N, C-alpha and C. Protein backbone atom coordinates (compact mmCIF):
# COMPACT_ATOMS: atom_id res chain seq x y z
N MET A 1 13.78 0.66 -0.44
CA MET A 1 12.99 0.49 0.74
C MET A 1 13.76 0.95 1.98
N ASP A 2 15.09 0.82 1.94
CA ASP A 2 15.87 1.29 3.09
C ASP A 2 15.71 2.78 3.30
N SER A 3 15.68 3.54 2.20
CA SER A 3 15.51 4.99 2.29
C SER A 3 14.15 5.34 2.91
N VAL A 4 13.11 4.65 2.47
CA VAL A 4 11.77 4.88 3.02
C VAL A 4 11.75 4.52 4.50
N SER A 5 12.34 3.39 4.81
CA SER A 5 12.38 2.93 6.20
C SER A 5 13.12 3.93 7.09
N ASN A 6 14.25 4.42 6.64
CA ASN A 6 15.02 5.40 7.42
C ASN A 6 14.25 6.68 7.65
N ARG A 7 13.60 7.18 6.60
CA ARG A 7 12.83 8.42 6.73
C ARG A 7 11.66 8.24 7.69
N MET A 8 10.98 7.11 7.57
CA MET A 8 9.85 6.86 8.46
C MET A 8 10.32 6.75 9.91
N ARG A 9 11.42 6.04 10.12
CA ARG A 9 11.95 5.88 11.48
C ARG A 9 12.33 7.24 12.06
N SER A 10 12.96 8.10 11.26
CA SER A 10 13.37 9.42 11.76
C SER A 10 12.17 10.31 12.09
N ASN A 11 11.01 10.02 11.50
CA ASN A 11 9.80 10.78 11.78
C ASN A 11 8.84 10.03 12.69
N ARG A 12 9.34 8.95 13.30
CA ARG A 12 8.56 8.12 14.23
C ARG A 12 7.26 7.60 13.60
N LEU A 13 7.38 7.13 12.37
CA LEU A 13 6.25 6.55 11.65
C LEU A 13 6.49 5.06 11.48
N GLN A 14 5.42 4.31 11.25
CA GLN A 14 5.52 2.87 11.05
C GLN A 14 4.78 2.50 9.77
N LEU A 15 5.42 1.69 8.94
CA LEU A 15 4.80 1.21 7.71
C LEU A 15 3.96 -0.01 8.05
N ASN A 16 2.64 0.08 7.82
CA ASN A 16 1.73 -1.01 8.16
C ASN A 16 1.33 -1.85 6.95
N GLU A 17 1.29 -1.23 5.79
CA GLU A 17 0.86 -1.94 4.59
C GLU A 17 1.50 -1.29 3.38
N VAL A 18 1.53 -2.05 2.29
CA VAL A 18 2.10 -1.56 1.04
C VAL A 18 1.10 -1.86 -0.07
N MET A 19 1.01 -0.96 -1.03
CA MET A 19 0.09 -1.17 -2.14
C MET A 19 0.86 -1.05 -3.44
N TRP A 20 0.84 -2.11 -4.23
CA TRP A 20 1.44 -2.07 -5.56
C TRP A 20 0.43 -1.42 -6.49
N CYS A 21 0.83 -0.45 -7.27
CA CYS A 21 -0.07 0.24 -8.20
C CYS A 21 0.19 -0.26 -9.62
N ALA A 22 -0.88 -0.69 -10.28
CA ALA A 22 -0.78 -1.18 -11.65
C ALA A 22 -2.16 -1.15 -12.28
N SER A 23 -2.17 -1.25 -13.60
CA SER A 23 -3.46 -1.29 -14.30
C SER A 23 -4.18 -2.58 -13.93
N ALA A 24 -5.48 -2.61 -14.13
CA ALA A 24 -6.30 -3.76 -13.76
C ALA A 24 -5.81 -5.05 -14.43
N ARG A 25 -5.38 -4.98 -15.66
CA ARG A 25 -4.95 -6.20 -16.36
C ARG A 25 -3.61 -6.72 -15.86
N ARG A 26 -2.83 -5.89 -15.18
CA ARG A 26 -1.54 -6.34 -14.64
C ARG A 26 -1.59 -6.69 -13.15
N GLN A 27 -2.73 -6.49 -12.51
CA GLN A 27 -2.87 -6.78 -11.09
C GLN A 27 -2.51 -8.22 -10.75
N SER A 28 -2.89 -9.16 -11.60
CA SER A 28 -2.64 -10.58 -11.30
C SER A 28 -1.15 -10.93 -11.32
N LYS A 29 -0.32 -10.09 -11.91
CA LYS A 29 1.12 -10.36 -12.00
C LYS A 29 1.92 -9.78 -10.83
N LEU A 30 1.25 -9.04 -9.96
CA LEU A 30 1.94 -8.43 -8.83
C LEU A 30 2.11 -9.43 -7.69
N PRO A 31 3.20 -9.29 -6.90
CA PRO A 31 3.39 -10.20 -5.76
C PRO A 31 2.29 -10.05 -4.72
N ARG A 32 1.87 -11.15 -4.12
CA ARG A 32 0.82 -11.15 -3.11
C ARG A 32 1.36 -11.49 -1.72
N TRP A 33 2.66 -11.73 -1.62
CA TRP A 33 3.24 -12.13 -0.35
C TRP A 33 3.82 -10.92 0.38
N PRO A 34 4.00 -11.03 1.69
CA PRO A 34 4.54 -9.91 2.49
C PRO A 34 5.98 -9.59 2.10
N ILE A 35 6.37 -8.35 2.28
CA ILE A 35 7.76 -7.94 2.09
C ILE A 35 8.31 -7.53 3.46
N THR A 36 9.61 -7.55 3.59
CA THR A 36 10.24 -7.19 4.86
C THR A 36 10.85 -5.80 4.73
N VAL A 37 10.46 -4.92 5.64
CA VAL A 37 10.98 -3.56 5.68
C VAL A 37 11.45 -3.30 7.10
N ALA A 38 12.72 -2.99 7.24
CA ALA A 38 13.31 -2.71 8.56
C ALA A 38 13.01 -3.83 9.56
N GLY A 39 13.08 -5.07 9.09
CA GLY A 39 12.87 -6.22 9.96
C GLY A 39 11.43 -6.56 10.25
N ALA A 40 10.48 -5.79 9.71
CA ALA A 40 9.06 -6.05 9.94
C ALA A 40 8.41 -6.55 8.65
N SER A 41 7.49 -7.49 8.79
CA SER A 41 6.76 -8.01 7.65
C SER A 41 5.60 -7.08 7.33
N VAL A 42 5.49 -6.67 6.06
CA VAL A 42 4.45 -5.74 5.63
C VAL A 42 3.61 -6.42 4.56
N GLU A 43 2.30 -6.45 4.80
CA GLU A 43 1.36 -7.12 3.89
C GLU A 43 0.97 -6.22 2.72
N PRO A 44 0.95 -6.74 1.50
CA PRO A 44 0.42 -5.96 0.38
C PRO A 44 -1.11 -5.92 0.43
N VAL A 45 -1.69 -4.81 0.05
CA VAL A 45 -3.14 -4.64 0.04
C VAL A 45 -3.57 -4.08 -1.31
N SER A 46 -4.84 -4.22 -1.65
CA SER A 46 -5.34 -3.70 -2.93
C SER A 46 -6.06 -2.37 -2.77
N VAL A 47 -6.39 -2.00 -1.53
CA VAL A 47 -7.06 -0.72 -1.25
C VAL A 47 -6.48 -0.14 0.03
N VAL A 48 -6.22 1.17 0.01
CA VAL A 48 -5.79 1.86 1.23
C VAL A 48 -6.76 2.99 1.52
N CYS A 49 -6.85 3.35 2.80
CA CYS A 49 -7.69 4.47 3.20
C CYS A 49 -6.80 5.46 3.93
N ASP A 50 -6.74 6.67 3.44
CA ASP A 50 -5.94 7.72 4.06
C ASP A 50 -6.80 8.96 4.19
N LEU A 51 -6.94 9.43 5.41
CA LEU A 51 -7.76 10.61 5.71
C LEU A 51 -9.19 10.44 5.19
N GLY A 52 -9.70 9.20 5.26
CA GLY A 52 -11.07 8.93 4.86
C GLY A 52 -11.28 8.74 3.37
N VAL A 53 -10.22 8.77 2.59
CA VAL A 53 -10.32 8.57 1.14
C VAL A 53 -9.78 7.19 0.80
N TYR A 54 -10.59 6.36 0.14
CA TYR A 54 -10.17 5.03 -0.29
C TYR A 54 -9.57 5.12 -1.68
N ILE A 55 -8.39 4.51 -1.86
CA ILE A 55 -7.72 4.50 -3.16
C ILE A 55 -7.44 3.05 -3.53
N ASP A 56 -7.85 2.67 -4.75
CA ASP A 56 -7.62 1.32 -5.27
C ASP A 56 -6.20 1.22 -5.82
N SER A 57 -5.72 -0.02 -5.97
CA SER A 57 -4.38 -0.22 -6.48
C SER A 57 -4.24 0.17 -7.96
N ASP A 58 -5.35 0.34 -8.67
CA ASP A 58 -5.27 0.86 -10.04
C ASP A 58 -5.44 2.38 -10.05
N LEU A 59 -5.34 2.98 -8.85
CA LEU A 59 -5.46 4.41 -8.62
C LEU A 59 -6.83 4.97 -9.01
N GLY A 60 -7.83 4.12 -8.95
CA GLY A 60 -9.19 4.53 -9.23
C GLY A 60 -9.92 4.88 -7.93
N ALA A 61 -11.15 5.26 -8.06
CA ALA A 61 -11.94 5.65 -6.90
C ALA A 61 -13.18 4.78 -6.72
N ALA A 62 -13.23 3.63 -7.37
CA ALA A 62 -14.42 2.78 -7.30
C ALA A 62 -14.73 2.36 -5.87
N THR A 63 -13.74 1.98 -5.10
CA THR A 63 -13.97 1.59 -3.71
C THR A 63 -14.47 2.77 -2.89
N HIS A 64 -13.89 3.93 -3.10
CA HIS A 64 -14.31 5.12 -2.35
C HIS A 64 -15.78 5.45 -2.64
N VAL A 65 -16.17 5.36 -3.90
CA VAL A 65 -17.56 5.65 -4.28
C VAL A 65 -18.50 4.64 -3.66
N ARG A 66 -18.11 3.34 -3.67
CA ARG A 66 -18.96 2.29 -3.07
C ARG A 66 -19.12 2.47 -1.58
N ARG A 67 -18.07 2.90 -0.89
CA ARG A 67 -18.10 2.99 0.57
C ARG A 67 -18.62 4.34 1.06
N ALA A 68 -18.74 5.31 0.21
CA ALA A 68 -19.17 6.65 0.63
C ALA A 68 -20.67 6.71 0.85
């Protein structure tokens, strides 16, 4: 995480959320609490939206299809 944090800082970017990727049956075993990156608390999420594309934590497109 330090490497990611350093690269983001050097490019003037900020990490707002983190998504753990796993199969649907392993989702319940993933941590649900915030992690600390470069002194900031970052919340885990199950869906991210980047450039208008929604991606689920199982790397599927079900959320994108529902929201499109």
